[in-house]
Each structure stands twice: as structure tokens, then as C-alpha cells.
PDB file of N, CA and C in Angstrom:
ATOM      1  N   MET A   1       0.756  -1.201  -0.055  1.00  0.00           N
ATOM      2  CA  MET A   1      -0.123   0.127   0.017  1.00  0.00           C
ATOM      3  C   MET A   1       1.027   1.267  -0.212  1.00  0.00           C
ATOM      4  N   ALA A   2       0.419   2.325  -0.892  1.00  0.00           N
ATOM      5  CA  ALA A   2       1.125   3.275  -0.888  1.00  0.00           C
ATOM      6  C   ALA A   2       0.997   4.247   0.578  1.00  0.00           C
ATOM      7  N   PRO A   3       2.143   4.951   0.954  1.00  0.00           N
ATOM      8  CA  PRO A   3       1.913   5.651   2.262  1.00  0.00           C
ATOM      9  C   PRO A   3       0.752   6.639   2.111  1.00  0.00           C
ATOM     10  N   TRP A   4       0.694   7.485   0.842  1.00  0.00           N
ATOM     11  CA  TRP A   4      -0.379   8.464   0.720  1.00  0.00           C
ATOM     12  C   TRP A   4      -1.757   7.687   1.012  1.00  0.00           C
ATOM     13  N   ASP A   5      -1.804   6.405   0.870  1.00  0.00           N
ATOM     14  CA  ASP A   5      -3.269   6.084   0.890  1.00  0.00           C
ATOM     15  C   ASP A   5      -3.842   5.168   2.238  1.00  0.00           C
ATOM     16  N   ARG A   6      -2.765   5.628   3.138  1.00  0.00           N
ATOM     17  CA  ARG A   6      -2.786   4.592   4.549  1.00  0.00           C
ATOM     18  C   ARG A   6      -3.919   5.438   5.398  1.00  0.00           C
ATOM     19  N   HIS A   7      -4.461   6.668   4.996  1.00  0.00           N
ATOM     20  CA  HIS A   7      -5.598   7.203   5.944  1.00  0.00           C
ATOM     21  C   HIS A   7      -6.778   6.631   5.214  1.00  0.00           C
ATOM     22  N   SER A   8      -6.841   5.817   4.376  1.00  0.00           N
ATOM     23  CA  SER A   8      -8.073   5.354   3.964  1.00  0.00           C
ATOM     24  C   SER A   8      -8.414   3.989   4.662  1.00  0.00           C
ATOM     25  N   PHE A   9      -7.687   3.638   5.627  1.00  0.00           N
ATOM     26  CA  PHE A   9      -8.250   2.654   6.741  1.00  0.00           C
ATOM     27  C   PHE A   9      -8.843   3.203   7.932  1.00  0.00           C
ATOM     28  N   PHE A  10      -8.561   4.653   8.137  1.00  0.00           N
ATOM     29  CA  PHE A  10      -9.058   5.207   9.505  1.00  0.00           C
ATOM     30  C   PHE A  10      -9.906   6.354   9.075  1.00  0.00           C
ATOM     31  N   ARG A  11     -11.038   6.639   9.750  1.00  0.00           N
ATOM     32  CA  ARG A  11     -11.954   7.823   9.603  1.00  0.00           C
ATOM     33  C   ARG A  11     -10.852   8.795  10.339  1.00  0.00           C
ATOM     34  N   VAL A  12     -10.909  10.016   9.919  1.00  0.00           N
ATOM     35  CA  VAL A  12     -10.387  11.260  10.761  1.00  0.00           C
ATOM     36  C   VAL A  12     -11.428  12.263  11.063  1.00  0.00           C
ATOM     37  N   THR A  13     -11.567  12.492  12.471  1.00  0.00           N
ATOM     38  CA  THR A  13     -12.422  13.301  13.081  1.00  0.00           C
ATOM     39  C   THR A  13     -11.839  15.126  12.663  1.00  0.00           C
ATOM     40  N   ARG A  14     -12.678  15.814  12.854  1.00  0.00           N
ATOM     41  CA  ARG A  14     -12.318  17.282  12.469  1.00  0.00           C
ATOM     42  C   ARG A  14     -11.161  17.825  13.319  1.00  0.00           C
ATOM     43  N   GLU A  15     -10.991  17.338  14.747  1.00  0.00           N
ATOM     44  CA  GLU A  15     -10.175  17.751  15.575  1.00  0.00           C
ATOM     45  C   GLU A  15      -8.736  16.861  15.064  1.00  0.00           C
ATOM     46  N   GLU A  16      -8.831  15.798  14.424  1.00  0.00           N
ATOM     47  CA  GLU A  16      -7.524  14.988  14.169  1.00  0.00           C
ATOM     48  C   GLU A  16      -7.119  15.731  12.720  1.00  0.00           C
ATOM     49  N   ALA A  17      -7.985  16.097  12.040  1.00  0.00           N
ATOM     50  CA  ALA A  17      -7.486  16.842  10.709  1.00  0.00           C
ATOM     51  C   ALA A  17      -6.939  18.088  11.179  1.00  0.00           C
ATOM     52  N   ASP A  18      -7.500  18.892  12.066  1.00  0.00           N
ATOM     53  CA  ASP A  18      -6.825  20.040  12.399  1.00  0.00           C
ATOM     54  C   ASP A  18      -5.196  19.884  12.769  1.00  0.00           C
ATOM     55  N   LYS A  19      -5.321  18.740  13.746  1.00  0.00           N
ATOM     56  CA  LYS A  19      -3.827  18.572  14.173  1.00  0.00           C
ATOM     57  C   LYS A  19      -3.123  18.191  13.009  1.00  0.00           C
ATOM     58  N   VAL A  20      -3.437  16.988  12.142  1.00  0.00           N
ATOM     59  CA  VAL A  20      -2.643  16.563  11.146  1.00  0.00           C
ATOM     60  C   VAL A  20      -2.074  17.725  10.266  1.00  0.00           C
ATOM     61  N   LEU A  21      -3.050  18.615   9.859  1.00  0.00           N
ATOM     62  CA  LEU A  21      -2.824  19.459   9.114  1.00  0.00           C
ATOM     63  C   LEU A  21      -2.313  21.089   9.465  1.00  0.00           C
ATOM     64  N   ALA A  22      -1.938  21.065  10.799  1.00  0.00           N
ATOM     65  CA  ALA A  22      -1.700  22.109  11.476  1.00  0.00           C
ATOM     66  C   ALA A  22      -0.176  22.634  10.746  1.00  0.00           C
ATOM     67  N   GLY A  23      -0.250  23.616  10.027  1.00  0.00           N
ATOM     68  CA  GLY A  23       1.022  24.435   9.580  1.00  0.00           C
ATOM     69  C   GLY A  23       1.245  23.768   8.126  1.00  0.00           C
ATOM     70  N   VAL A  24       0.547  22.930   7.549  1.00  0.00           N
ATOM     71  CA  VAL A  24       0.829  22.129   6.479  1.00  0.00           C
ATOM     72  C   VAL A  24       0.642  23.385   5.337  1.00  0.00           C
ATOM     73  N   TRP A  25      -0.059  24.218   5.232  1.00  0.00           N
ATOM     74  CA  TRP A  25      -0.093  25.233   4.159  1.00  0.00           C
ATOM     75  C   TRP A  25       0.787  26.599   4.365  1.00  0.00           C
ATOM     76  N   GLU A  26       1.735  26.547   5.170  1.00  0.00           N
ATOM     77  CA  GLU A  26       2.680  27.553   5.653  1.00  0.00           C
ATOM     78  C   GLU A  26       3.588  27.789   4.454  1.00  0.00           C
ATOM     79  N   ALA A  27       4.152  26.831   3.973  1.00  0.00           N
ATOM     80  CA  ALA A  27       5.062  26.818   3.263  1.00  0.00           C
ATOM     81  C   ALA A  27       4.745  27.046   1.912  1.00  0.00           C
ATOM     82  N   PRO A  28       3.739  26.335   1.182  1.00  0.00           N
ATOM     83  CA  PRO A  28       3.232  27.114   0.038  1.00  0.00           C
ATOM     84  C   PRO A  28       2.474  28.554   0.085  1.00  0.00           C
ATOM     85  N   ALA A  29       2.339  28.852   1.185  1.00  0.00           N
ATOM     86  CA  ALA A  29       1.550  30.115   1.257  1.00  0.00           C
ATOM     87  C   ALA A  29       2.980  31.206   1.096  1.00  0.00           C
ATOM     88  N   ALA A  30       3.955  31.012   1.788  1.00  0.00           N
ATOM     89  CA  ALA A  30       5.218  31.635   1.821  1.00  0.00           C
ATOM     90  C   ALA A  30       5.877  31.733   0.389  1.00  0.00           C
ATOM     91  N   ARG A  31       5.454  30.931  -0.295  1.00  0.00           N
ATOM     92  CA  ARG A  31       6.133  30.772  -1.783  1.00  0.00           C
ATOM     93  C   ARG A  31       5.000  31.602  -2.929  1.00  0.00           C
ATOM     94  N   GLY A  32       3.660  31.925  -2.174  1.00  0.00           N
ATOM     95  CA  GLY A  32       3.085  32.727  -2.634  1.00  0.00           C
ATOM     96  C   GLY A  32       1.718  32.048  -3.627  1.00  0.00           C
ATOM     97  N   VAL A  33       1.632  30.892  -3.310  1.00  0.00           N
ATOM     98  CA  VAL A  33       0.530  30.168  -3.562  1.00  0.00           C
ATOM     99  C   VAL A  33      -0.898  30.819  -3.246  1.00  0.00           C
ATOM    100  N   PRO A  34      -1.658  31.180  -4.414  1.00  0.00           N
ATOM    101  CA  PRO A  34      -2.666  31.587  -3.837  1.00  0.00           C
ATOM    102  C   PRO A  34      -3.573  31.357  -2.839  1.00  0.00           C
ATOM    103  N   GLU A  35      -4.169  32.126  -1.846  1.00  0.00           N
ATOM    104  CA  GLU A  35      -4.827  31.625  -0.876  1.00  0.00           C
ATOM    105  C   GLU A  35      -6.093  30.926  -1.258  1.00  0.00           C
ATOM    106  N   GLU A  36      -6.829  31.245  -2.321  1.00  0.00           N
ATOM    107  CA  GLU A  36      -7.718  30.648  -2.777  1.00  0.00           C
ATOM    108  C   GLU A  36      -7.800  29.153  -3.321  1.00  0.00           C
ATOM    109  N   LEU A  37      -6.676  28.852  -3.657  1.00  0.00           N
ATOM    110  CA  LEU A  37      -6.071  27.445  -4.130  1.00  0.00           C
ATOM    111  C   LEU A  37      -5.905  26.730  -2.845  1.00  0.00           C
ATOM    112  N   LEU A  38      -4.922  27.356  -1.854  1.00  0.00           N
ATOM    113  CA  LEU A  38      -4.938  26.600  -0.762  1.00  0.00           C
ATOM    114  C   LEU A  38      -6.270  26.293   0.140  1.00  0.00           C
ATOM    115  N   ARG A  39      -7.192  27.213   0.040  1.00  0.00           N
ATOM    116  CA  ARG A  39      -8.533  26.921   0.888  1.00  0.00           C
ATOM    117  C   ARG A  39      -8.952  25.570  -0.039  1.00  0.00           C
ATOM    118  N   VAL A  40      -8.967  25.505  -1.270  1.00  0.00           N
ATOM    119  CA  VAL A  40      -9.592  24.519  -2.010  1.00  0.00           C
ATOM    120  C   VAL A  40      -8.938  23.453  -1.667  1.00  0.00           C
ATOM    121  N   LEU A  41      -7.586  23.334  -1.830  1.00  0.00           N
ATOM    122  CA  LEU A  41      -6.795  22.116  -1.490  1.00  0.00           C
ATOM    123  C   LEU A  41      -7.341  21.466   0.031  1.00  0.00           C
ATOM    124  N   ASP A  42      -7.049  22.678   0.944  1.00  0.00           N
ATOM    125  CA  ASP A  42      -7.578  22.126   2.316  1.00  0.00           C
ATOM    126  C   ASP A  42      -8.693  21.517   2.461  1.00  0.00           C
ATOM    127  N   THR A  43      -9.709  21.934   1.596  1.00  0.00           N
ATOM    128  CA  THR A  43     -11.183  21.421   1.840  1.00  0.00           C
ATOM    129  C   THR A  43     -11.079  20.098   1.367  1.00  0.00           C
ATOM    130  N   TYR A  44     -10.300  19.996   0.223  1.00  0.00           N
ATOM    131  CA  TYR A  44     -10.118  18.722  -0.582  1.00  0.00           C
ATOM    132  C   TYR A  44      -9.306  17.498   0.505  1.00  0.00           C
ATOM    133  N   VAL A  45      -8.285  17.959   0.855  1.00  0.00           N
ATOM    134  CA  VAL A  45      -7.583  17.133   1.748  1.00  0.00           C
ATOM    135  C   VAL A  45      -8.306  16.579   3.053  1.00  0.00           C
ATOM    136  N   ARG A  46      -9.135  17.644   3.388  1.00  0.00           N
ATOM    137  CA  ARG A  46      -9.997  17.088   4.684  1.00  0.00           C
ATOM    138  C   ARG A  46     -11.122  16.197   4.282  1.00  0.00           C
ATOM    139  N   LEU A  47     -11.799  16.270   3.203  1.00  0.00           N
ATOM    140  CA  LEU A  47     -12.801  15.362   2.794  1.00  0.00           C
ATOM    141  C   LEU A  47     -11.827  14.058   2.474  1.00  0.00           C
ATOM    142  N   LEU A  48     -11.026  14.068   2.056  1.00  0.00           N
ATOM    143  CA  LEU A  48     -10.274  12.738   1.950  1.00  0.00           C
ATOM    144  C   LEU A  48     -10.129  12.053   3.032  1.00  0.00           C
ATOM    145  N   LEU A  49      -9.522  13.014   4.085  1.00  0.00           N
ATOM    146  CA  LEU A  49      -9.344  12.291   5.450  1.00  0.00           C
ATOM    147  C   LEU A  49     -10.525  11.927   5.962  1.00  0.00           C
ATOM    148  N   ALA A  50     -11.350  12.631   6.134  1.00  0.00           N
ATOM    149  CA  ALA A  50     -12.909  12.297   6.778  1.00  0.00           C
ATOM    150  C   ALA A  50     -13.536  11.017   5.978  1.00  0.00           C
ATOM    151  N   SER A  51     -13.593  10.945   4.736  1.00  0.00           N
ATOM    152  CA  SER A  51     -14.441   9.972   4.184  1.00  0.00           C
ATOM    153  C   SER A  51     -13.367   8.661   3.794  1.00  0.00           C
ATOM    154  N   GLY A  52     -12.450   8.706   4.056  1.00  0.00           N
ATOM    155  CA  GLY A  52     -11.222   7.584   4.048  1.00  0.00           C
ATOM    156  C   GLY A  52     -10.979   7.201   2.433  1.00  0.00           C
ATOM    157  N   HIS A  53     -11.299   8.103   1.454  1.00  0.00           N
ATOM    158  CA  HIS A  53     -10.959   7.830   0.186  1.00  0.00           C
ATOM    159  C   HIS A  53      -9.361   8.087  -0.191  1.00  0.00           C
ATOM    160  N   SER A  54      -9.190   7.489  -1.258  1.00  0.00           N
ATOM    161  CA  SER A  54      -7.879   7.536  -1.719  1.00  0.00           C
ATOM    162  C   SER A  54      -7.838   8.922  -2.895  1.00  0.00           C
ATOM    163  N   LEU A  55      -6.622   9.507  -2.943  1.00  0.00           N
ATOM    164  CA  LEU A  55      -6.613  10.697  -3.945  1.00  0.00           C
ATOM    165  C   LEU A  55      -6.578  10.013  -5.276  1.00  0.00           C
ATOM    166  N   HIS A  56      -7.327  10.549  -6.063  1.00  0.00           N
ATOM    167  CA  HIS A  56      -7.260  10.242  -7.275  1.00  0.00           C
ATOM    168  C   HIS A  56      -7.278  11.446  -8.293  1.00  0.00           C
ATOM    169  N   ARG A  57      -6.165  11.944  -9.259  1.00  0.00           N
ATOM    170  CA  ARG A  57      -5.845  12.718  -9.689  1.00  0.00           C
ATOM    171  C   ARG A  57      -7.013  13.351 -10.571  1.00  0.00           C
ATOM    172  N   SER A  58      -7.770  12.332 -11.135  1.00  0.00           N
ATOM    173  CA  SER A  58      -9.139  13.020 -12.135  1.00  0.00           C
ATOM    174  C   SER A  58      -9.853  13.631 -11.215  1.00  0.00           C
ATOM    175  N   ASP A  59     -10.258  13.409  -9.801  1.00  0.00           N
ATOM    176  CA  ASP A  59     -10.896  13.982  -8.731  1.00  0.00           C
ATOM    177  C   ASP A  59     -10.210  15.441  -8.468  1.00  0.00           C
ATOM    178  N   LEU A  60      -9.044  15.288  -8.589  1.00  0.00           N
ATOM    179  CA  LEU A  60      -8.395  16.442  -7.821  1.00  0.00           C
ATOM    180  C   LEU A  60      -8.534  17.362  -8.930  1.00  0.00           C
ATOM    181  N   VAL A  61      -8.462  17.113 -10.204  1.00  0.00           N
ATOM    182  CA  VAL A  61      -8.370  18.054 -11.333  1.00  0.00           C
ATOM    183  C   VAL A  61      -9.724  18.504 -11.346  1.00  0.00           C
ATOM    184  N   GLN A  62     -10.919  17.868 -11.376  1.00  0.00           N
ATOM    185  CA  GLN A  62     -12.210  18.179 -11.440  1.00  0.00           C
ATOM    186  C   GLN A  62     -12.547  19.460 -10.101  1.00  0.00           C
ATOM    187  N   THR A  63     -12.081  18.843  -9.346  1.00  0.00           N
ATOM    188  CA  THR A  63     -12.117  19.820  -8.057  1.00  0.00           C
ATOM    189  C   THR A  63     -11.480  21.388  -8.444  1.00  0.00           C
ATOM    190  N   LEU A  64     -10.328  21.206  -8.980  1.00  0.00           N
ATOM    191  CA  LEU A  64      -9.580  22.371  -9.257  1.00  0.00           C
ATOM    192  C   LEU A  64     -10.185  23.331 -10.110  1.00  0.00           C
ATOM    193  N   SER A  65     -10.852  22.571 -11.452  1.00  0.00           N
ATOM    194  CA  SER A  65     -11.559  23.105 -12.527  1.00  0.00           C
ATOM    195  C   SER A  65     -12.897  23.729 -11.789  1.00  0.00           C
ATOM    196  N   ARG A  66     -13.367  23.721 -10.800  1.00  0.00           N
ATOM    197  CA  ARG A  66     -14.471  24.327 -10.205  1.00  0.00           C
ATOM    198  C   ARG A  66     -14.060  25.381  -9.617  1.00  0.00           C
ATOM    199  N   MET A  67     -12.917  25.844  -9.553  1.00  0.00           N
ATOM    200  CA  MET A  67     -12.594  27.106  -8.863  1.00  0.00           C
ATOM    201  C   MET A  67     -13.081  28.457  -9.855  1.00  0.00           C
ATOM    202  N   HIS A  68     -13.469  29.466  -8.933  1.00  0.00           N
ATOM    203  CA  HIS A  68     -14.193  30.565  -9.749  1.00  0.00           C
ATOM    204  C   HIS A  68     -13.072  31.211 -10.705  1.00  0.00           C
ATOM    205  N   GLN A  69     -11.992  31.292 -10.684  1.00  0.00           N
ATOM    206  CA  GLN A  69     -10.919  32.054 -11.702  1.00  0.00           C
ATOM    207  C   GLN A  69      -9.887  30.826 -11.656  1.00  0.00           C
ATOM    208  N   GLN A  70      -9.116  30.705 -12.876  1.00  0.00           N
ATOM    209  CA  GLN A  70      -8.079  30.075 -13.032  1.00  0.00           C
ATOM    210  C   GLN A  70      -6.818  30.718 -12.092  1.00  0.00           C
ATOM    211  N   VAL A  71      -6.031  30.002 -11.327  1.00  0.00           N
ATOM    212  CA  VAL A  71      -5.352  30.328 -10.511  1.00  0.00           C
ATOM    213  C   VAL A  71      -3.793  30.124 -11.197  1.00  0.00           C
ATOM    214  N   LEU A  72      -3.150  31.377 -11.160  1.00  0.00           N
ATOM    215  CA  LEU A  72      -1.799  31.213 -11.672  1.00  0.00           C
ATOM    216  C   LEU A  72      -0.591  31.103 -10.550  1.00  0.00           C
ATOM    217  N   LEU A  73      -0.125  30.092 -10.499  1.00  0.00           N
ATOM    218  CA  LEU A  73       0.882  29.865  -9.467  1.00  0.00           C
ATOM    219  C   LEU A  73       2.203  30.682  -9.617  1.00  0.00           C
ATOM    220  N   PRO A  74       2.946  31.023  -8.664  1.00  0.00           N
ATOM    221  CA  PRO A  74       3.829  32.250  -8.504  1.00  0.00           C
ATOM    222  C   PRO A  74       4.960  31.689  -9.531  1.00  0.00           C
ATOM    223  N   TRP A  75       5.379  30.380  -9.641  1.00  0.00           N
ATOM    224  CA  TRP A  75       6.464  30.015 -10.964  1.00  0.00           C
ATOM    225  C   TRP A  75       5.889  30.267 -12.258  1.00  0.00           C
ATOM    226  N   GLU A  76       4.765  29.979 -12.134  1.00  0.00           N
ATOM    227  CA  GLU A  76       4.180  30.273 -13.385  1.00  0.00           C
ATOM    228  C   GLU A  76       4.008  31.707 -14.004  1.00  0.00           C
ATOM    229  N   ALA A  77       3.825  32.446 -13.225  1.00  0.00           N
ATOM    230  CA  ALA A  77       3.864  33.947 -13.282  1.00  0.00           C
ATOM    231  C   ALA A  77       5.079  34.372 -13.705  1.00  0.00           C
ATOM    232  N   ASP A  78       6.198  33.925 -12.755  1.00  0.00           N
ATOM    233  CA  ASP A  78       7.458  34.332 -13.229  1.00  0.00           C
ATOM    234  C   ASP A  78       7.793  34.026 -14.629  1.00  0.00           C
ATOM    235  N   GLU A  79       7.618  32.763 -14.789  1.00  0.00           N
ATOM    236  CA  GLU A  79       7.916  32.228 -16.531  1.00  0.00           C
ATOM    237  C   GLU A  79       6.830  33.251 -17.434  1.00  0.00           C
ATOM    238  N   ALA A  80       5.969  33.692 -17.029  1.00  0.00           N
ATOM    239  CA  ALA A  80       5.239  34.346 -18.049  1.00  0.00           C
ATOM    240  C   ALA A  80       5.538  35.896 -18.123  1.00  0.00           C
ATOM    241  N   SER A  81       6.257  36.463 -17.109  1.00  0.00           N
ATOM    242  CA  SER A  81       6.652  37.615 -17.466  1.00  0.00           C
ATOM    243  C   SER A  81       7.978  37.654 -17.511  1.00  0.00           C
ATOM    244  N   ALA A  82       8.666  36.813 -18.013  1.00  0.00           N
ATOM    245  CA  ALA A  82      10.167  36.533 -18.263  1.00  0.00           C
ATOM    246  C   ALA A  82       9.934  37.078 -19.585  1.00  0.00           C
ATOM    247  N   SER A  83      11.223  37.757 -20.007  1.00  0.00           N
ATOM    248  CA  SER A  83      11.195  38.008 -21.307  1.00  0.00           C
ATOM    249  C   SER A  83      12.104  37.341 -22.267  1.00  0.00           C
ATOM    250  N   PRO A  84      11.685  36.779 -23.201  1.00  0.00           N
ATOM    251  CA  PRO A  84      12.346  36.064 -24.151  1.00  0.00           C
ATOM    252  C   PRO A  84      13.745  36.206 -24.456  1.00  0.00           C
ATOM    253  N   VAL A  85      14.921  35.206 -24.053  1.00  0.00           N
ATOM    254  CA  VAL A  85      16.332  35.377 -24.722  1.00  0.00           C
ATOM    255  C   VAL A  85      16.553  35.372 -26.168  1.00  0.00           C
ATOM    256  N   THR A  86      16.859  36.298 -26.528  1.00  0.00           N
ATOM    257  CA  THR A  86      17.219  36.621 -28.141  1.00  0.00           C
ATOM    258  C   THR A  86      18.667  36.392 -28.232  1.00  0.00           C
ATOM    259  N   PRO A  87      18.840  35.537 -29.283  1.00  0.00           N
ATOM    260  CA  PRO A  87      20.748  35.676 -29.406  1.00  0.00           C
ATOM    261  C   PRO A  87      21.038  36.742 -30.025  1.00  0.00           C
TER     262      PRO A  87
END
């Protein structure tokens, strides 16, 4: 069993999820990941923990596609604003 699927054997309470996820979004926030995206990811992860479901990429993609606006990640913004190098 993959380590990221171990939670599927246990149901996690709200309090346990709060404890497990404490501080987990600080590093992405410090790197400039948009707050709206972090909220959506936090909700998604909490639902996985509470339901005991495994992560499926297609579910995550569908969840992210429901966001009100397309999110531009900090490193994508850097690439988009960089001027092309000409020889």
C-alpha cells in the first residue's frame, strides 16, 4: 500500500484533521501560492481524510476546475513575465 493511501483505513475526525494539517499550508503560502487555491486544497484533503477515500488525480483536477477563476502559480507567473532570450 502506498503511504499516501494509509488514511483510507481510518476515519479522521475534524479535530484530528486540524492537528494533522496544522501548519501544512505555511510553506506553499510563503512561496506565494494563492490563498484561494490553498483553501480549495485544504477542503479537498479534509474530505479525503474524513471519508477515507484515496487521492485520484482526476478527482483533484475536477475539484480545481470548479474554482471561480484560473489560478496562476507564482512560478508560472515568473515564467510568463520573463522576457524571451534572443541571440
